[in-house]
N, C-alpha and C. Protein backbone atom coordinates (compact mmCIF):
# COMPACT_ATOMS: atom_id res chain seq x y z
N LEU A 1 -113.65 32.75 29.12
CA LEU A 1 -113.05 32.10 27.98
C LEU A 1 -113.43 30.63 27.88
N LYS A 2 -113.87 30.05 28.98
CA LYS A 2 -114.27 28.64 28.98
C LYS A 2 -115.76 28.47 28.68
N GLY A 3 -116.46 29.57 28.41
CA GLY A 3 -117.87 29.48 28.07
C GLY A 3 -118.81 29.49 29.26
N ASN A 4 -118.29 29.74 30.44
CA ASN A 4 -119.13 29.78 31.63
C ASN A 4 -119.77 31.16 31.74
N ILE A 5 -121.08 31.20 31.94
CA ILE A 5 -121.76 32.47 32.14
C ILE A 5 -121.45 32.95 33.55
N THR A 6 -120.85 34.12 33.65
CA THR A 6 -120.47 34.64 34.97
C THR A 6 -121.42 35.71 35.47
N ARG A 7 -122.15 36.38 34.52
CA ARG A 7 -123.03 37.46 34.94
C ARG A 7 -123.96 37.84 33.82
N GLN A 8 -125.21 38.12 34.14
CA GLN A 8 -126.17 38.64 33.17
C GLN A 8 -126.04 40.15 33.14
N LEU A 9 -125.90 40.74 31.95
CA LEU A 9 -125.68 42.18 31.83
C LEU A 9 -126.94 42.98 31.55
N THR A 10 -127.95 42.37 30.95
CA THR A 10 -129.21 43.08 30.70
C THR A 10 -130.33 42.33 31.39
N ASN A 11 -131.36 43.07 31.76
CA ASN A 11 -132.49 42.46 32.43
C ASN A 11 -133.76 43.27 32.14
N SER A 12 -133.98 43.57 30.86
CA SER A 12 -135.20 44.28 30.51
C SER A 12 -136.11 43.32 29.75
N PRO A 13 -137.42 43.50 29.90
CA PRO A 13 -138.33 42.63 29.14
C PRO A 13 -138.19 42.93 27.65
N GLY A 14 -138.38 41.94 26.83
CA GLY A 14 -138.30 42.18 25.39
C GLY A 14 -137.00 41.70 24.79
N TYR A 15 -136.51 42.46 23.83
CA TYR A 15 -135.40 42.04 22.97
C TYR A 15 -134.11 42.77 23.32
N ASP A 16 -133.12 42.05 23.78
CA ASP A 16 -131.74 42.52 23.95
C ASP A 16 -130.88 41.47 23.26
N ALA A 17 -130.34 41.78 22.08
CA ALA A 17 -129.64 40.77 21.30
C ALA A 17 -128.69 41.42 20.30
N GLU A 18 -128.09 40.59 19.45
CA GLU A 18 -127.21 41.04 18.37
C GLU A 18 -125.98 41.78 18.93
N ALA A 19 -125.45 41.33 20.03
CA ALA A 19 -124.36 42.02 20.71
C ALA A 19 -123.00 41.74 20.08
N VAL A 20 -122.18 42.79 20.01
CA VAL A 20 -120.79 42.68 19.56
C VAL A 20 -119.91 43.51 20.49
N LEU A 21 -118.66 43.13 20.54
CA LEU A 21 -117.67 43.80 21.38
C LEU A 21 -116.88 44.79 20.53
N SER A 22 -116.56 45.94 21.08
CA SER A 22 -115.75 46.93 20.36
C SER A 22 -114.32 46.41 20.21
N PRO A 23 -113.62 46.85 19.17
CA PRO A 23 -112.22 46.42 18.98
C PRO A 23 -111.32 46.82 20.15
N LYS A 24 -111.67 47.89 20.85
CA LYS A 24 -110.90 48.33 22.01
C LYS A 24 -111.19 47.47 23.23
N GLY A 25 -112.28 46.68 23.16
CA GLY A 25 -112.64 45.81 24.28
C GLY A 25 -113.29 46.53 25.43
N ASP A 26 -113.81 47.76 25.19
CA ASP A 26 -114.38 48.54 26.28
C ASP A 26 -115.89 48.70 26.22
N LYS A 27 -116.52 48.40 25.09
CA LYS A 27 -117.96 48.61 24.93
C LYS A 27 -118.62 47.39 24.29
N ILE A 28 -119.88 47.19 24.61
CA ILE A 28 -120.73 46.21 23.96
C ILE A 28 -121.79 47.00 23.21
N LEU A 29 -121.99 46.65 21.96
CA LEU A 29 -122.99 47.27 21.10
C LEU A 29 -124.08 46.23 20.86
N PHE A 30 -125.36 46.62 21.02
CA PHE A 30 -126.43 45.65 20.86
C PHE A 30 -127.72 46.33 20.42
N THR A 31 -128.68 45.52 19.98
CA THR A 31 -130.01 46.00 19.61
C THR A 31 -130.96 45.69 20.76
N SER A 32 -131.82 46.67 21.08
CA SER A 32 -132.78 46.49 22.16
C SER A 32 -134.08 47.23 21.83
N ASP A 33 -135.19 46.69 22.35
CA ASP A 33 -136.47 47.38 22.21
C ASP A 33 -136.88 48.04 23.53
N ARG A 34 -135.95 48.21 24.44
CA ARG A 34 -136.24 48.77 25.77
C ARG A 34 -136.82 50.17 25.72
N SER A 35 -136.62 50.91 24.62
CA SER A 35 -137.18 52.26 24.51
C SER A 35 -138.49 52.27 23.73
N GLY A 36 -138.98 51.09 23.33
CA GLY A 36 -140.23 51.01 22.60
C GLY A 36 -140.04 50.78 21.10
N ASP A 37 -138.81 50.85 20.62
CA ASP A 37 -138.47 50.58 19.23
C ASP A 37 -137.15 49.82 19.22
N LEU A 38 -136.85 49.17 18.12
CA LEU A 38 -135.60 48.41 18.02
C LEU A 38 -134.47 49.37 17.66
N GLU A 39 -133.69 49.74 18.64
CA GLU A 39 -132.63 50.73 18.52
C GLU A 39 -131.27 50.13 18.90
N LEU A 40 -130.20 50.83 18.52
CA LEU A 40 -128.85 50.43 18.91
C LEU A 40 -128.51 51.08 20.24
N TRP A 41 -127.83 50.31 21.09
CA TRP A 41 -127.40 50.75 22.41
C TRP A 41 -125.95 50.33 22.62
N THR A 42 -125.24 51.05 23.47
CA THR A 42 -123.92 50.61 23.94
C THR A 42 -123.95 50.57 25.46
N MET A 43 -123.03 49.78 25.99
CA MET A 43 -122.84 49.73 27.44
C MET A 43 -121.40 49.32 27.72
N ASN A 44 -120.96 49.59 28.92
CA ASN A 44 -119.65 49.14 29.35
C ASN A 44 -119.68 47.62 29.55
N LEU A 45 -118.52 47.01 29.66
CA LEU A 45 -118.44 45.55 29.79
C LEU A 45 -119.13 45.01 31.04
N ASP A 46 -119.30 45.84 32.04
CA ASP A 46 -119.97 45.39 33.26
C ASP A 46 -121.47 45.66 33.25
N GLY A 47 -121.98 46.19 32.12
CA GLY A 47 -123.41 46.49 31.99
C GLY A 47 -123.79 47.91 32.37
N SER A 48 -122.84 48.68 32.89
CA SER A 48 -123.12 50.06 33.26
C SER A 48 -122.99 50.97 32.03
N GLY A 49 -123.38 52.21 32.20
CA GLY A 49 -123.19 53.20 31.15
C GLY A 49 -124.04 52.98 29.91
N LEU A 50 -125.28 52.50 30.09
CA LEU A 50 -126.17 52.30 28.94
C LEU A 50 -126.39 53.60 28.19
N LYS A 51 -126.26 53.53 26.85
CA LYS A 51 -126.49 54.71 26.02
C LYS A 51 -127.19 54.30 24.75
N GLN A 52 -128.31 54.97 24.46
CA GLN A 52 -129.03 54.73 23.21
C GLN A 52 -128.31 55.47 22.09
N ILE A 53 -127.97 54.75 21.01
CA ILE A 53 -127.20 55.32 19.90
C ILE A 53 -128.11 55.80 18.77
N THR A 54 -129.19 55.08 18.48
CA THR A 54 -130.11 55.48 17.42
C THR A 54 -131.47 55.78 18.01
N ASN A 55 -132.29 56.53 17.27
CA ASN A 55 -133.61 56.88 17.79
C ASN A 55 -134.63 57.20 16.70
N GLU A 56 -134.47 56.61 15.52
CA GLU A 56 -135.43 56.82 14.45
C GLU A 56 -136.28 55.56 14.29
N LEU A 57 -137.58 55.74 14.00
CA LEU A 57 -138.49 54.61 13.89
C LEU A 57 -138.00 53.61 12.85
N GLY A 58 -137.95 52.34 13.25
CA GLY A 58 -137.51 51.26 12.38
C GLY A 58 -136.56 50.33 13.12
N TYR A 59 -136.33 49.19 12.54
CA TYR A 59 -135.49 48.15 13.14
C TYR A 59 -134.03 48.42 12.82
N ASP A 60 -133.26 48.86 13.82
CA ASP A 60 -131.82 49.07 13.69
C ASP A 60 -131.13 47.85 14.28
N GLY A 61 -130.28 47.19 13.49
CA GLY A 61 -129.63 46.00 14.01
C GLY A 61 -128.48 45.54 13.14
N GLY A 62 -127.94 44.39 13.50
CA GLY A 62 -126.83 43.82 12.75
C GLY A 62 -125.62 44.73 12.76
N ALA A 63 -125.37 45.40 13.86
CA ALA A 63 -124.33 46.44 13.93
C ALA A 63 -122.96 45.88 14.27
N PHE A 64 -121.95 46.57 13.75
CA PHE A 64 -120.55 46.27 14.05
C PHE A 64 -119.76 47.57 14.15
N PHE A 65 -118.70 47.53 14.94
CA PHE A 65 -117.78 48.65 15.04
C PHE A 65 -116.80 48.63 13.87
N SER A 66 -116.27 49.81 13.53
CA SER A 66 -115.17 49.89 12.56
C SER A 66 -113.92 49.30 13.22
N PRO A 67 -112.89 48.98 12.43
CA PRO A 67 -111.67 48.38 13.01
C PRO A 67 -111.04 49.20 14.13
N ASP A 68 -111.15 50.54 14.06
CA ASP A 68 -110.56 51.38 15.12
C ASP A 68 -111.56 51.71 16.22
N GLY A 69 -112.80 51.23 16.09
CA GLY A 69 -113.81 51.44 17.12
C GLY A 69 -114.47 52.81 17.09
N SER A 70 -114.15 53.65 16.12
CA SER A 70 -114.69 55.01 16.11
C SER A 70 -116.06 55.13 15.44
N LYS A 71 -116.43 54.14 14.63
CA LYS A 71 -117.68 54.20 13.89
C LYS A 71 -118.48 52.91 14.05
N ILE A 72 -119.76 52.99 13.71
CA ILE A 72 -120.65 51.85 13.75
C ILE A 72 -121.34 51.74 12.40
N VAL A 73 -121.42 50.53 11.86
CA VAL A 73 -122.19 50.27 10.64
C VAL A 73 -123.34 49.34 11.02
N PHE A 74 -124.51 49.57 10.43
CA PHE A 74 -125.66 48.74 10.73
C PHE A 74 -126.65 48.80 9.58
N ARG A 75 -127.65 47.93 9.63
CA ARG A 75 -128.73 47.96 8.66
C ARG A 75 -129.99 48.39 9.38
N ALA A 76 -130.84 49.10 8.64
CA ALA A 76 -132.06 49.59 9.27
C ALA A 76 -133.22 49.58 8.29
N SER A 77 -134.39 49.28 8.82
CA SER A 77 -135.62 49.49 8.07
C SER A 77 -136.15 50.85 8.52
N ARG A 78 -136.70 51.59 7.60
CA ARG A 78 -137.25 52.90 7.92
C ARG A 78 -138.63 53.03 7.30
N PRO A 79 -139.67 52.56 8.02
CA PRO A 79 -141.02 52.70 7.47
C PRO A 79 -141.35 54.18 7.27
N LYS A 80 -141.89 54.51 6.10
CA LYS A 80 -142.14 55.92 5.77
C LYS A 80 -143.63 56.24 5.63
N THR A 81 -144.36 55.41 4.89
CA THR A 81 -145.76 55.71 4.65
C THR A 81 -146.59 55.38 5.89
N GLU A 82 -147.79 55.91 5.93
CA GLU A 82 -148.68 55.63 7.05
C GLU A 82 -148.94 54.13 7.19
N ALA A 83 -149.13 53.45 6.06
CA ALA A 83 -149.38 52.01 6.08
C ALA A 83 -148.15 51.24 6.58
N GLU A 84 -146.96 51.62 6.13
CA GLU A 84 -145.72 50.96 6.58
C GLU A 84 -145.50 51.17 8.07
N ILE A 85 -145.75 52.38 8.54
CA ILE A 85 -145.58 52.69 9.97
C ILE A 85 -146.57 51.89 10.81
N LYS A 86 -147.82 51.82 10.36
CA LYS A 86 -148.82 51.05 11.09
C LYS A 86 -148.45 49.58 11.14
N GLU A 87 -148.05 49.01 10.00
CA GLU A 87 -147.65 47.60 9.98
C GLU A 87 -146.48 47.35 10.92
N TYR A 88 -145.47 48.21 10.88
CA TYR A 88 -144.28 48.05 11.72
C TYR A 88 -144.65 48.15 13.21
N THR A 89 -145.38 49.18 13.59
CA THR A 89 -145.69 49.38 15.01
C THR A 89 -146.66 48.31 15.52
N ASP A 90 -147.61 47.87 14.68
CA ASP A 90 -148.52 46.80 15.09
C ASP A 90 -147.75 45.50 15.34
N LEU A 91 -146.83 45.15 14.43
CA LEU A 91 -146.02 43.96 14.63
C LEU A 91 -145.13 44.09 15.87
N LEU A 92 -144.52 45.25 16.04
CA LEU A 92 -143.61 45.48 17.17
C LEU A 92 -144.34 45.28 18.51
N LYS A 93 -145.60 45.70 18.58
CA LYS A 93 -146.39 45.53 19.81
C LYS A 93 -146.55 44.06 20.18
N THR A 94 -146.47 43.17 19.19
CA THR A 94 -146.60 41.74 19.45
C THR A 94 -145.25 41.04 19.54
N GLY A 95 -144.16 41.84 19.51
CA GLY A 95 -142.82 41.27 19.60
C GLY A 95 -142.30 40.73 18.28
N LEU A 96 -142.87 41.18 17.17
CA LEU A 96 -142.47 40.71 15.86
C LEU A 96 -142.00 41.86 14.97
N VAL A 97 -141.24 41.54 13.95
CA VAL A 97 -140.87 42.48 12.89
C VAL A 97 -140.84 41.72 11.58
N ALA A 98 -140.99 42.44 10.48
CA ALA A 98 -140.91 41.83 9.15
C ALA A 98 -140.20 42.80 8.21
N PRO A 99 -138.93 43.12 8.51
CA PRO A 99 -138.24 44.09 7.65
C PRO A 99 -137.86 43.47 6.31
N THR A 100 -138.33 44.06 5.24
CA THR A 100 -137.96 43.58 3.91
C THR A 100 -137.15 44.64 3.17
N ASN A 101 -137.39 45.90 3.48
CA ASN A 101 -136.60 46.99 2.90
C ASN A 101 -135.64 47.50 3.96
N MET A 102 -134.35 47.29 3.72
CA MET A 102 -133.33 47.72 4.67
C MET A 102 -132.20 48.38 3.91
N GLU A 103 -131.63 49.41 4.49
CA GLU A 103 -130.48 50.10 3.92
C GLU A 103 -129.36 50.12 4.96
N ILE A 104 -128.16 50.44 4.49
CA ILE A 104 -126.97 50.46 5.36
C ILE A 104 -126.75 51.89 5.86
N TYR A 105 -126.44 52.02 7.14
CA TYR A 105 -126.18 53.30 7.79
C TYR A 105 -124.85 53.24 8.53
N VAL A 106 -124.24 54.41 8.73
CA VAL A 106 -123.02 54.54 9.51
C VAL A 106 -123.20 55.73 10.45
N CYS A 107 -122.64 55.62 11.65
CA CYS A 107 -122.59 56.75 12.58
C CYS A 107 -121.30 56.64 13.38
N ASN A 108 -120.98 57.71 14.09
CA ASN A 108 -119.86 57.65 15.02
C ASN A 108 -120.25 56.72 16.17
N ALA A 109 -119.29 56.24 16.91
CA ALA A 109 -119.55 55.28 17.99
C ALA A 109 -120.48 55.84 19.07
N ASP A 110 -120.58 57.17 19.17
CA ASP A 110 -121.48 57.78 20.14
C ASP A 110 -122.86 58.08 19.56
N GLY A 111 -123.08 57.72 18.28
CA GLY A 111 -124.37 57.94 17.63
C GLY A 111 -124.44 59.20 16.80
N SER A 112 -123.44 60.06 16.90
CA SER A 112 -123.45 61.30 16.13
C SER A 112 -123.09 61.04 14.67
N ASN A 113 -123.35 62.00 13.84
CA ASN A 113 -123.02 61.94 12.41
C ASN A 113 -123.64 60.73 11.71
N LEU A 114 -124.89 60.43 12.04
CA LEU A 114 -125.61 59.33 11.42
C LEU A 114 -125.90 59.66 9.96
N HIS A 115 -125.57 58.75 9.07
CA HIS A 115 -125.90 58.96 7.66
C HIS A 115 -126.17 57.64 6.95
N GLN A 116 -127.06 57.73 5.98
CA GLN A 116 -127.42 56.57 5.18
C GLN A 116 -126.36 56.37 4.11
N VAL A 117 -125.87 55.14 3.96
CA VAL A 117 -124.81 54.81 3.01
C VAL A 117 -125.38 54.28 1.69
N THR A 118 -126.39 53.40 1.78
CA THR A 118 -126.98 52.84 0.56
C THR A 118 -128.38 53.38 0.35
N ARG A 119 -128.77 53.41 -0.90
CA ARG A 119 -130.13 53.76 -1.31
C ARG A 119 -130.49 52.85 -2.48
N LEU A 120 -130.42 51.56 -2.23
CA LEU A 120 -130.55 50.57 -3.29
C LEU A 120 -131.93 49.93 -3.35
N GLY A 121 -132.71 50.01 -2.28
CA GLY A 121 -133.99 49.34 -2.23
C GLY A 121 -133.81 47.88 -1.87
N LYS A 122 -134.90 47.23 -1.58
CA LYS A 122 -134.95 45.83 -1.17
C LYS A 122 -134.16 45.60 0.12
N ALA A 123 -133.47 44.46 0.24
CA ALA A 123 -132.81 44.10 1.51
C ALA A 123 -131.29 44.23 1.40
N ASN A 124 -130.74 45.22 2.05
CA ASN A 124 -129.29 45.44 2.15
C ASN A 124 -128.96 45.24 3.62
N TRP A 125 -128.13 44.23 3.91
CA TRP A 125 -127.96 43.83 5.30
C TRP A 125 -126.61 43.14 5.50
N ALA A 126 -126.36 42.67 6.73
CA ALA A 126 -125.11 42.01 7.11
C ALA A 126 -123.90 42.86 6.77
N PRO A 127 -123.90 44.16 7.11
CA PRO A 127 -122.76 45.01 6.79
C PRO A 127 -121.58 44.77 7.72
N PHE A 128 -120.40 44.98 7.19
CA PHE A 128 -119.18 44.85 7.99
C PHE A 128 -118.11 45.74 7.37
N PHE A 129 -117.33 46.39 8.21
CA PHE A 129 -116.24 47.22 7.70
C PHE A 129 -115.13 46.36 7.13
N HIS A 130 -114.63 46.75 5.98
CA HIS A 130 -113.40 46.18 5.43
C HIS A 130 -112.30 46.45 6.45
N PRO A 131 -111.29 45.60 6.58
CA PRO A 131 -110.25 45.80 7.60
C PRO A 131 -109.56 47.17 7.57
N ALA A 132 -109.50 47.82 6.41
CA ALA A 132 -108.89 49.16 6.33
C ALA A 132 -109.83 50.24 6.87
N GLY A 133 -111.13 49.92 7.04
CA GLY A 133 -112.08 50.86 7.61
C GLY A 133 -112.65 51.87 6.63
N LYS A 134 -112.26 51.82 5.38
CA LYS A 134 -112.71 52.81 4.38
C LYS A 134 -113.90 52.32 3.57
N LYS A 135 -114.13 51.02 3.54
CA LYS A 135 -115.22 50.44 2.77
C LYS A 135 -116.08 49.54 3.65
N ILE A 136 -117.29 49.29 3.17
CA ILE A 136 -118.21 48.40 3.85
C ILE A 136 -118.59 47.30 2.87
N ILE A 137 -118.54 46.07 3.34
CA ILE A 137 -119.03 44.94 2.55
C ILE A 137 -120.37 44.54 3.14
N PHE A 138 -121.33 44.20 2.28
CA PHE A 138 -122.68 43.87 2.74
C PHE A 138 -123.35 42.94 1.74
N SER A 139 -124.44 42.34 2.17
CA SER A 139 -125.23 41.46 1.32
C SER A 139 -126.46 42.23 0.82
N SER A 140 -126.85 41.97 -0.43
CA SER A 140 -128.01 42.67 -0.98
C SER A 140 -128.69 41.84 -2.05
N ASN A 141 -129.99 42.04 -2.15
CA ASN A 141 -130.77 41.46 -3.25
C ASN A 141 -131.34 42.55 -4.14
N HIS A 142 -130.78 43.75 -4.09
CA HIS A 142 -131.35 44.88 -4.83
C HIS A 142 -131.39 44.64 -6.33
N HIS A 143 -130.56 43.80 -6.85
CA HIS A 143 -130.48 43.51 -8.28
C HIS A 143 -131.44 42.40 -8.71
N SER A 144 -131.98 41.68 -7.74
CA SER A 144 -132.75 40.47 -8.02
C SER A 144 -134.19 40.77 -8.42
N LYS A 145 -134.67 40.05 -9.40
CA LYS A 145 -136.07 40.20 -9.82
C LYS A 145 -137.01 39.43 -8.89
N ARG A 146 -136.53 38.37 -8.26
CA ARG A 146 -137.39 37.52 -7.43
C ARG A 146 -137.15 37.70 -5.94
N GLY A 147 -136.11 38.43 -5.53
CA GLY A 147 -135.90 38.74 -4.12
C GLY A 147 -134.96 37.85 -3.36
N TYR A 148 -134.71 36.64 -3.78
CA TYR A 148 -133.90 35.74 -2.96
C TYR A 148 -132.46 35.60 -3.43
N ASP A 149 -132.05 36.24 -4.46
CA ASP A 149 -130.66 36.17 -4.94
C ASP A 149 -129.84 37.22 -4.20
N PHE A 150 -129.08 36.80 -3.20
CA PHE A 150 -128.26 37.72 -2.41
C PHE A 150 -126.80 37.59 -2.82
N GLN A 151 -126.19 38.73 -3.12
CA GLN A 151 -124.77 38.79 -3.48
C GLN A 151 -124.08 39.77 -2.54
N LEU A 152 -122.75 39.68 -2.46
CA LEU A 152 -121.97 40.61 -1.65
C LEU A 152 -121.53 41.79 -2.50
N TYR A 153 -121.58 42.97 -1.87
CA TYR A 153 -121.20 44.22 -2.51
C TYR A 153 -120.30 45.02 -1.57
N MET A 154 -119.51 45.91 -2.14
CA MET A 154 -118.72 46.85 -1.34
C MET A 154 -119.04 48.26 -1.77
N ILE A 155 -118.99 49.17 -0.80
CA ILE A 155 -119.23 50.58 -1.04
C ILE A 155 -118.32 51.37 -0.11
N ASN A 156 -117.95 52.58 -0.50
CA ASN A 156 -117.18 53.44 0.39
C ASN A 156 -118.00 53.71 1.65
N ALA A 157 -117.34 53.79 2.78
CA ALA A 157 -118.02 53.95 4.07
C ALA A 157 -118.85 55.23 4.14
N ASP A 158 -118.51 56.23 3.33
CA ASP A 158 -119.31 57.46 3.32
C ASP A 158 -120.42 57.42 2.27
N GLY A 159 -120.54 56.31 1.54
CA GLY A 159 -121.58 56.17 0.53
C GLY A 159 -121.21 56.70 -0.83
N SER A 160 -120.04 57.29 -0.95
CA SER A 160 -119.63 57.85 -2.24
C SER A 160 -119.12 56.75 -3.17
N GLY A 161 -119.04 57.09 -4.43
CA GLY A 161 -118.49 56.16 -5.40
C GLY A 161 -119.46 55.08 -5.79
N PRO A 162 -119.04 54.21 -6.68
CA PRO A 162 -119.94 53.15 -7.16
C PRO A 162 -120.04 52.00 -6.15
N VAL A 163 -121.13 51.26 -6.28
CA VAL A 163 -121.31 50.01 -5.53
C VAL A 163 -120.63 48.92 -6.35
N GLU A 164 -119.71 48.19 -5.72
CA GLU A 164 -118.92 47.16 -6.42
C GLU A 164 -119.44 45.78 -6.04
N GLN A 165 -119.85 44.99 -7.03
CA GLN A 165 -120.31 43.62 -6.77
C GLN A 165 -119.09 42.74 -6.54
N VAL A 166 -119.10 41.97 -5.45
CA VAL A 166 -117.97 41.12 -5.07
C VAL A 166 -118.20 39.67 -5.45
N THR A 167 -119.43 39.17 -5.31
CA THR A 167 -119.73 37.77 -5.64
C THR A 167 -120.74 37.71 -6.78
N GLY A 168 -120.80 36.57 -7.42
CA GLY A 168 -121.75 36.37 -8.50
C GLY A 168 -122.16 34.92 -8.65
N GLU A 169 -121.51 34.05 -7.92
CA GLU A 169 -121.82 32.62 -7.96
C GLU A 169 -122.86 32.31 -6.90
N SER A 170 -123.63 31.30 -7.10
CA SER A 170 -124.69 30.83 -6.20
C SER A 170 -125.74 31.92 -6.00
N ILE A 171 -126.76 31.63 -5.19
CA ILE A 171 -127.83 32.60 -5.01
C ILE A 171 -127.95 33.14 -3.59
N PHE A 172 -127.08 32.70 -2.67
CA PHE A 172 -127.13 33.26 -1.33
C PHE A 172 -125.71 33.45 -0.81
N ASN A 173 -125.25 34.67 -0.90
CA ASN A 173 -123.95 35.06 -0.35
C ASN A 173 -124.21 36.12 0.70
N SER A 174 -123.80 35.86 1.93
CA SER A 174 -124.06 36.80 3.00
C SER A 174 -123.10 36.58 4.15
N PHE A 175 -123.28 37.37 5.19
CA PHE A 175 -122.48 37.29 6.41
C PHE A 175 -120.98 37.38 6.13
N PRO A 176 -120.54 38.46 5.47
CA PRO A 176 -119.11 38.57 5.13
C PRO A 176 -118.20 38.73 6.34
N MET A 177 -118.78 39.02 7.50
CA MET A 177 -117.94 39.16 8.69
C MET A 177 -117.33 37.83 9.07
């Protein structure tokens, strides 16, 4: 609590970052490239019990637990074409990424029941569960003609129903958490 580092929990070469604590205080959720791709992982507070949560090609990150800790929301890039896959994997080999198309995904805390929530195109990111756990608030530029106008939107956690625009002032609204 005083900010003193007492122990290092990961020790793999590459990227271990974007860590968050579960609401129950029992798990750490983070993004790592330890498996060769940028995937979501969980571990116990002491660093034991490492478990890979996602396993599809693309950058999975910016993850958070639902208020009750049962679900995870995150943003992911999913390269599809041969050219997109080549660009992604070539950059990843050099320790870089350039995700411009990202969508919001939800899964159970153990990685099961993974499903895509948004299909808006462009950059949908910085997702966070509404405190009631039924909706997700996120930042998106899907409406923008030039790409840099980011507004906040809400959607049902299962992806059903309309996407509701929350902000409209200024040109960069993000990080609703």
